[in-house]
Amino acid sequence: MSRYEIPFLTACIHAFGERFAMTRQAAFRYLHKHKGLSFLIEFYDVEHLQSMEETIDDLLIICQKNGGTIA
């Protein structure tokens, strides 16, 4: 993991939580449980080039495919 990935993951967790009115801890748990964090790590090279809004949209799709219920 590069030194740039951790700040990116942190920003994504924060933005996801804000968008869905969740605490950072709740957002982290949700993203971890529904494979969103794994997705961000695996596809960091593409996701960090997109806007945060597009990244959160991608996370929502991945989490829904893995049993997440937030819409």
PDB file of N, CA and C in Angstrom:
ATOM      1  N   MET A   1       0.849  -1.170   0.000  1.00  0.00           N
ATOM      2  CA  MET A   1       0.000   0.000   0.000  1.00  0.00           C
ATOM      3  C   MET A   1       0.901   1.241   0.000  1.00  0.00           C
ATOM      4  N   SER A   2       0.599   2.161  -0.886  1.00  0.00           N
ATOM      5  CA  SER A   2       1.412   3.374  -0.968  1.00  0.00           C
ATOM      6  C   SER A   2       1.021   4.362   0.124  1.00  0.00           C
ATOM      7  N   ARG A   3       1.859   5.330   0.325  1.00  0.00           N
ATOM      8  CA  ARG A   3       1.580   6.321   1.363  1.00  0.00           C
ATOM      9  C   ARG A   3       0.403   7.221   0.990  1.00  0.00           C
ATOM     10  N   TYR A   4      -0.038   7.185  -0.238  1.00  0.00           N
ATOM     11  CA  TYR A   4      -1.167   8.002  -0.683  1.00  0.00           C
ATOM     12  C   TYR A   4      -2.512   7.291  -0.507  1.00  0.00           C
ATOM     13  N   GLU A   5      -2.481   5.987  -0.390  1.00  0.00           N
ATOM     14  CA  GLU A   5      -3.727   5.229  -0.297  1.00  0.00           C
ATOM     15  C   GLU A   5      -4.454   5.440   1.023  1.00  0.00           C
ATOM     16  N   ILE A   6      -3.740   5.532   2.119  1.00  0.00           N
ATOM     17  CA  ILE A   6      -4.400   5.691   3.421  1.00  0.00           C
ATOM     18  C   ILE A   6      -5.170   7.009   3.498  1.00  0.00           C
ATOM     19  N   PRO A   7      -4.586   8.145   3.109  1.00  0.00           N
ATOM     20  CA  PRO A   7      -5.383   9.378   3.111  1.00  0.00           C
ATOM     21  C   PRO A   7      -6.584   9.301   2.161  1.00  0.00           C
ATOM     22  N   PHE A   8      -6.408   8.619   1.032  1.00  0.00           N
ATOM     23  CA  PHE A   8      -7.528   8.448   0.092  1.00  0.00           C
ATOM     24  C   PHE A   8      -8.638   7.627   0.728  1.00  0.00           C
ATOM     25  N   LEU A   9      -8.288   6.514   1.368  1.00  0.00           N
ATOM     26  CA  LEU A   9      -9.295   5.682   2.033  1.00  0.00           C
ATOM     27  C   LEU A   9     -10.011   6.463   3.128  1.00  0.00           C
ATOM     28  N   THR A  10      -9.250   7.218   3.898  1.00  0.00           N
ATOM     29  CA  THR A  10      -9.831   8.021   4.964  1.00  0.00           C
ATOM     30  C   THR A  10     -10.814   9.045   4.398  1.00  0.00           C
ATOM     31  N   ALA A  11     -10.436   9.700   3.319  1.00  0.00           N
ATOM     32  CA  ALA A  11     -11.317  10.690   2.690  1.00  0.00           C
ATOM     33  C   ALA A  11     -12.586  10.028   2.154  1.00  0.00           C
ATOM     34  N   CYS A  12     -12.446   8.849   1.583  1.00  0.00           N
ATOM     35  CA  CYS A  12     -13.612   8.127   1.047  1.00  0.00           C
ATOM     36  C   CYS A  12     -14.558   7.711   2.174  1.00  0.00           C
ATOM     37  N   ILE A  13     -14.015   7.225   3.266  1.00  0.00           N
ATOM     38  CA  ILE A  13     -14.848   6.830   4.411  1.00  0.00           C
ATOM     39  C   ILE A  13     -15.598   8.048   4.941  1.00  0.00           C
ATOM     40  N   HIS A  14     -14.902   9.148   5.071  1.00  0.00           N
ATOM     41  CA  HIS A  14     -15.518  10.383   5.559  1.00  0.00           C
ATOM     42  C   HIS A  14     -16.629  10.852   4.616  1.00  0.00           C
ATOM     43  N   ALA A  15     -16.342  10.889   3.316  1.00  0.00           N
ATOM     44  CA  ALA A  15     -17.329  11.346   2.333  1.00  0.00           C
ATOM     45  C   ALA A  15     -18.535  10.415   2.277  1.00  0.00           C
ATOM     46  N   PHE A  16     -18.305   9.114   2.360  1.00  0.00           N
ATOM     47  CA  PHE A  16     -19.396   8.143   2.363  1.00  0.00           C
ATOM     48  C   PHE A  16     -20.281   8.378   3.580  1.00  0.00           C
ATOM     49  N   GLY A  17     -19.669   8.569   4.736  1.00  0.00           N
ATOM     50  CA  GLY A  17     -20.424   8.829   5.956  1.00  0.00           C
ATOM     51  C   GLY A  17     -21.237  10.101   5.867  1.00  0.00           C
ATOM     52  N   GLU A  18     -20.650  11.155   5.324  1.00  0.00           N
ATOM     53  CA  GLU A  18     -21.387  12.413   5.183  1.00  0.00           C
ATOM     54  C   GLU A  18     -22.569  12.269   4.232  1.00  0.00           C
ATOM     55  N   ARG A  19     -22.350  11.590   3.126  1.00  0.00           N
ATOM     56  CA  ARG A  19     -23.423  11.440   2.135  1.00  0.00           C
ATOM     57  C   ARG A  19     -24.614  10.675   2.693  1.00  0.00           C
ATOM     58  N   PHE A  20     -24.356   9.697   3.552  1.00  0.00           N
ATOM     59  CA  PHE A  20     -25.429   8.859   4.076  1.00  0.00           C
ATOM     60  C   PHE A  20     -25.704   9.097   5.569  1.00  0.00           C
ATOM     61  N   ALA A  21     -25.268  10.241   6.078  1.00  0.00           N
ATOM     62  CA  ALA A  21     -25.512  10.649   7.465  1.00  0.00           C
ATOM     63  C   ALA A  21     -25.102   9.563   8.461  1.00  0.00           C
ATOM     64  N   MET A  22     -23.886   9.078   8.298  1.00  0.00           N
ATOM     65  CA  MET A  22     -23.326   8.052   9.179  1.00  0.00           C
ATOM     66  C   MET A  22     -22.093   8.621   9.868  1.00  0.00           C
ATOM     67  N   THR A  23     -21.782   8.089  11.032  1.00  0.00           N
ATOM     68  CA  THR A  23     -20.514   8.447  11.655  1.00  0.00           C
ATOM     69  C   THR A  23     -19.393   7.803  10.835  1.00  0.00           C
ATOM     70  N   ARG A  24     -18.190   8.261  11.036  1.00  0.00           N
ATOM     71  CA  ARG A  24     -17.052   7.656  10.328  1.00  0.00           C
ATOM     72  C   ARG A  24     -16.910   6.188  10.703  1.00  0.00           C
ATOM     73  N   GLN A  25     -17.145   5.881  11.964  1.00  0.00           N
ATOM     74  CA  GLN A  25     -17.031   4.491  12.411  1.00  0.00           C
ATOM     75  C   GLN A  25     -18.080   3.615  11.746  1.00  0.00           C
ATOM     76  N   ALA A  26     -19.316   4.108  11.660  1.00  0.00           N
ATOM     77  CA  ALA A  26     -20.379   3.338  11.021  1.00  0.00           C
ATOM     78  C   ALA A  26     -20.094   3.173   9.532  1.00  0.00           C
ATOM     79  N   ALA A  27     -19.594   4.226   8.895  1.00  0.00           N
ATOM     80  CA  ALA A  27     -19.248   4.146   7.476  1.00  0.00           C
ATOM     81  C   ALA A  27     -18.132   3.126   7.257  1.00  0.00           C
ATOM     82  N   PHE A  28     -17.105   3.160   8.121  1.00  0.00           N
ATOM     83  CA  PHE A  28     -16.012   2.192   8.011  1.00  0.00           C
ATOM     84  C   PHE A  28     -16.537   0.769   8.132  1.00  0.00           C
ATOM     85  N   ARG A  29     -17.369   0.513   9.151  1.00  0.00           N
ATOM     86  CA  ARG A  29     -17.893  -0.838   9.362  1.00  0.00           C
ATOM     87  C   ARG A  29     -18.729  -1.299   8.157  1.00  0.00           C
ATOM     88  N   TYR A  30     -19.561  -0.407   7.639  1.00  0.00           N
ATOM     89  CA  TYR A  30     -20.400  -0.741   6.486  1.00  0.00           C
ATOM     90  C   TYR A  30     -19.528  -1.066   5.266  1.00  0.00           C
ATOM     91  N   LEU A  31     -18.572  -0.198   4.978  1.00  0.00           N
ATOM     92  CA  LEU A  31     -17.704  -0.411   3.815  1.00  0.00           C
ATOM     93  C   LEU A  31     -16.850  -1.663   3.963  1.00  0.00           C
ATOM     94  N   HIS A  32     -16.406  -1.934   5.164  1.00  0.00           N
ATOM     95  CA  HIS A  32     -15.622  -3.150   5.403  1.00  0.00           C
ATOM     96  C   HIS A  32     -16.498  -4.394   5.224  1.00  0.00           C
ATOM     97  N   LYS A  33     -17.665  -4.385   5.814  1.00  0.00           N
ATOM     98  CA  LYS A  33     -18.565  -5.541   5.761  1.00  0.00           C
ATOM     99  C   LYS A  33     -19.006  -5.863   4.335  1.00  0.00           C
ATOM    100  N   HIS A  34     -19.229  -4.832   3.531  1.00  0.00           N
ATOM    101  CA  HIS A  34     -19.781  -5.043   2.189  1.00  0.00           C
ATOM    102  C   HIS A  34     -18.734  -4.878   1.084  1.00  0.00           C
ATOM    103  N   LYS A  35     -17.466  -5.068   1.443  1.00  0.00           N
ATOM    104  CA  LYS A  35     -16.336  -5.142   0.506  1.00  0.00           C
ATOM    105  C   LYS A  35     -15.978  -3.833  -0.201  1.00  0.00           C
ATOM    106  N   GLY A  36     -16.477  -2.712   0.299  1.00  0.00           N
ATOM    107  CA  GLY A  36     -16.150  -1.424  -0.301  1.00  0.00           C
ATOM    108  C   GLY A  36     -14.689  -1.050  -0.118  1.00  0.00           C
ATOM    109  N   LEU A  37     -14.140  -1.316   1.057  1.00  0.00           N
ATOM    110  CA  LEU A  37     -12.733  -0.979   1.289  1.00  0.00           C
ATOM    111  C   LEU A  37     -11.812  -1.842   0.441  1.00  0.00           C
ATOM    112  N   SER A  38     -12.141  -3.108   0.315  1.00  0.00           N
ATOM    113  CA  SER A  38     -11.340  -3.999  -0.541  1.00  0.00           C
ATOM    114  C   SER A  38     -11.354  -3.503  -1.984  1.00  0.00           C
ATOM    115  N   PHE A  39     -12.513  -3.044  -2.426  1.00  0.00           N
ATOM    116  CA  PHE A  39     -12.651  -2.495  -3.772  1.00  0.00           C
ATOM    117  C   PHE A  39     -11.747  -1.277  -3.950  1.00  0.00           C
ATOM    118  N   LEU A  40     -11.767  -0.366  -2.970  1.00  0.00           N
ATOM    119  CA  LEU A  40     -10.946   0.843  -3.074  1.00  0.00           C
ATOM    120  C   LEU A  40      -9.464   0.517  -3.115  1.00  0.00           C
ATOM    121  N   ILE A  41      -9.048  -0.462  -2.338  1.00  0.00           N
ATOM    122  CA  ILE A  41      -7.641  -0.848  -2.317  1.00  0.00           C
ATOM    123  C   ILE A  41      -7.251  -1.502  -3.639  1.00  0.00           C
ATOM    124  N   GLU A  42      -8.092  -2.401  -4.119  1.00  0.00           N
ATOM    125  CA  GLU A  42      -7.777  -3.113  -5.364  1.00  0.00           C
ATOM    126  C   GLU A  42      -7.761  -2.180  -6.570  1.00  0.00           C
ATOM    127  N   PHE A  43      -8.683  -1.225  -6.604  1.00  0.00           N
ATOM    128  CA  PHE A  43      -8.804  -0.351  -7.770  1.00  0.00           C
ATOM    129  C   PHE A  43      -8.398   1.096  -7.479  1.00  0.00           C
ATOM    130  N   TYR A  44      -7.490   1.257  -6.536  1.00  0.00           N
ATOM    131  CA  TYR A  44      -7.003   2.589  -6.178  1.00  0.00           C
ATOM    132  C   TYR A  44      -6.494   3.341  -7.407  1.00  0.00           C
ATOM    133  N   ASP A  45      -5.770   2.651  -8.268  1.00  0.00           N
ATOM    134  CA  ASP A  45      -5.159   3.303  -9.424  1.00  0.00           C
ATOM    135  C   ASP A  45      -6.181   3.988 -10.330  1.00  0.00           C
ATOM    136  N   VAL A  46      -7.411   3.489 -10.354  1.00  0.00           N
ATOM    137  CA  VAL A  46      -8.472   4.099 -11.164  1.00  0.00           C
ATOM    138  C   VAL A  46      -9.320   5.043 -10.317  1.00  0.00           C
ATOM    139  N   GLU A  47      -9.707   4.597  -9.147  1.00  0.00           N
ATOM    140  CA  GLU A  47     -10.650   5.352  -8.316  1.00  0.00           C
ATOM    141  C   GLU A  47     -10.106   6.695  -7.843  1.00  0.00           C
ATOM    142  N   HIS A  48      -8.813   6.787  -7.564  1.00  0.00           N
ATOM    143  CA  HIS A  48      -8.296   8.059  -7.058  1.00  0.00           C
ATOM    144  C   HIS A  48      -8.257   9.138  -8.133  1.00  0.00           C
ATOM    145  N   LEU A  49      -8.439   8.755  -9.388  1.00  0.00           N
ATOM    146  CA  LEU A  49      -8.458   9.721 -10.480  1.00  0.00           C
ATOM    147  C   LEU A  49      -9.855  10.298 -10.730  1.00  0.00           C
ATOM    148  N   GLN A  50     -10.874   9.696 -10.147  1.00  0.00           N
ATOM    149  CA  GLN A  50     -12.245  10.153 -10.325  1.00  0.00           C
ATOM    150  C   GLN A  50     -12.603  11.198  -9.274  1.00  0.00           C
ATOM    151  N   SER A  51     -13.738  11.847  -9.488  1.00  0.00           N
ATOM    152  CA  SER A  51     -14.230  12.764  -8.455  1.00  0.00           C
ATOM    153  C   SER A  51     -14.681  11.937  -7.257  1.00  0.00           C
ATOM    154  N   MET A  52     -14.756  12.564  -6.113  1.00  0.00           N
ATOM    155  CA  MET A  52     -15.195  11.860  -4.909  1.00  0.00           C
ATOM    156  C   MET A  52     -16.631  11.385  -5.080  1.00  0.00           C
ATOM    157  N   GLU A  53     -17.454  12.178  -5.745  1.00  0.00           N
ATOM    158  CA  GLU A  53     -18.845  11.784  -5.971  1.00  0.00           C
ATOM    159  C   GLU A  53     -18.926  10.491  -6.791  1.00  0.00           C
ATOM    160  N   GLU A  54     -18.120  10.398  -7.839  1.00  0.00           N
ATOM    161  CA  GLU A  54     -18.103   9.174  -8.652  1.00  0.00           C
ATOM    162  C   GLU A  54     -17.583   7.980  -7.857  1.00  0.00           C
ATOM    163  N   THR A  55     -16.587   8.219  -7.028  1.00  0.00           N
ATOM    164  CA  THR A  55     -16.045   7.143  -6.196  1.00  0.00           C
ATOM    165  C   THR A  55     -17.096   6.644  -5.215  1.00  0.00           C
ATOM    166  N   ILE A  56     -17.833   7.551  -4.585  1.00  0.00           N
ATOM    167  CA  ILE A  56     -18.883   7.153  -3.646  1.00  0.00           C
ATOM    168  C   ILE A  56     -19.991   6.403  -4.388  1.00  0.00           C
ATOM    169  N   ASP A  57     -20.324   6.833  -5.602  1.00  0.00           N
ATOM    170  CA  ASP A  57     -21.315   6.108  -6.414  1.00  0.00           C
ATOM    171  C   ASP A  57     -20.834   4.682  -6.685  1.00  0.00           C
ATOM    172  N   ASP A  58     -19.556   4.524  -7.016  1.00  0.00           N
ATOM    173  CA  ASP A  58     -18.992   3.190  -7.254  1.00  0.00           C
ATOM    174  C   ASP A  58     -19.047   2.341  -5.982  1.00  0.00           C
ATOM    175  N   LEU A  59     -18.712   2.953  -4.853  1.00  0.00           N
ATOM    176  CA  LEU A  59     -18.775   2.229  -3.582  1.00  0.00           C
ATOM    177  C   LEU A  59     -20.187   1.750  -3.284  1.00  0.00           C
ATOM    178  N   LEU A  60     -21.149   2.598  -3.553  1.00  0.00           N
ATOM    179  CA  LEU A  60     -22.543   2.230  -3.314  1.00  0.00           C
ATOM    180  C   LEU A  60     -22.929   1.006  -4.139  1.00  0.00           C
ATOM    181  N   ILE A  61     -22.530   0.978  -5.398  1.00  0.00           N
ATOM    182  CA  ILE A  61     -22.841  -0.158  -6.276  1.00  0.00           C
ATOM    183  C   ILE A  61     -22.169  -1.432  -5.762  1.00  0.00           C
ATOM    184  N   ILE A  62     -20.889  -1.342  -5.416  1.00  0.00           N
ATOM    185  CA  ILE A  62     -20.166  -2.519  -4.914  1.00  0.00           C
ATOM    186  C   ILE A  62     -20.795  -3.033  -3.640  1.00  0.00           C
ATOM    187  N   CYS A  63     -21.102  -2.136  -2.719  1.00  0.00           N
ATOM    188  CA  CYS A  63     -21.690  -2.558  -1.443  1.00  0.00           C
ATOM    189  C   CYS A  63     -23.063  -3.188  -1.651  1.00  0.00           C
ATOM    190  N   GLN A  64     -23.864  -2.654  -2.535  1.00  0.00           N
ATOM    191  CA  GLN A  64     -25.171  -3.230  -2.826  1.00  0.00           C
ATOM    192  C   GLN A  64     -25.029  -4.631  -3.420  1.00  0.00           C
ATOM    193  N   LYS A  65     -24.044  -4.810  -4.269  1.00  0.00           N
ATOM    194  CA  LYS A  65     -23.804  -6.144  -4.853  1.00  0.00           C
ATOM    195  C   LYS A  65     -23.357  -7.148  -3.796  1.00  0.00           C
ATOM    196  N   ASN A  66     -22.840  -6.649  -2.680  1.00  0.00           N
ATOM    197  CA  ASN A  66     -22.358  -7.522  -1.605  1.00  0.00           C
ATOM    198  C   ASN A  66     -23.265  -7.488  -0.386  1.00  0.00           C
ATOM    199  N   GLY A  67     -24.532  -7.187  -0.605  1.00  0.00           N
ATOM    200  CA  GLY A  67     -25.519  -7.271   0.471  1.00  0.00           C
ATOM    201  C   GLY A  67     -25.853  -5.993   1.199  1.00  0.00           C
ATOM    202  N   GLY A  68     -25.251  -4.894   0.819  1.00  0.00           N
ATOM    203  CA  GLY A  68     -25.546  -3.616   1.459  1.00  0.00           C
ATOM    204  C   GLY A  68     -26.939  -3.132   1.095  1.00  0.00           C
ATOM    205  N   THR A  69     -27.551  -2.420   2.011  1.00  0.00           N
ATOM    206  CA  THR A  69     -28.942  -1.980   1.792  1.00  0.00           C
ATOM    207  C   THR A  69     -29.097  -0.462   1.704  1.00  0.00           C
ATOM    208  N   ILE A  70     -28.019   0.274   1.816  1.00  0.00           N
ATOM    209  CA  ILE A  70     -28.106   1.726   1.684  1.00  0.00           C
ATOM    210  C   ILE A  70     -28.331   2.063   0.211  1.00  0.00           C
ATOM    211  N   ALA A  71     -29.270   2.979  -0.025  1.00  0.00           N
ATOM    212  CA  ALA A  71     -29.547   3.358  -1.419  1.00  0.00           C
ATOM    213  C   ALA A  71     -29.533   4.860  -1.584  1.00  0.00           C
TER     214      ALA A  71
END
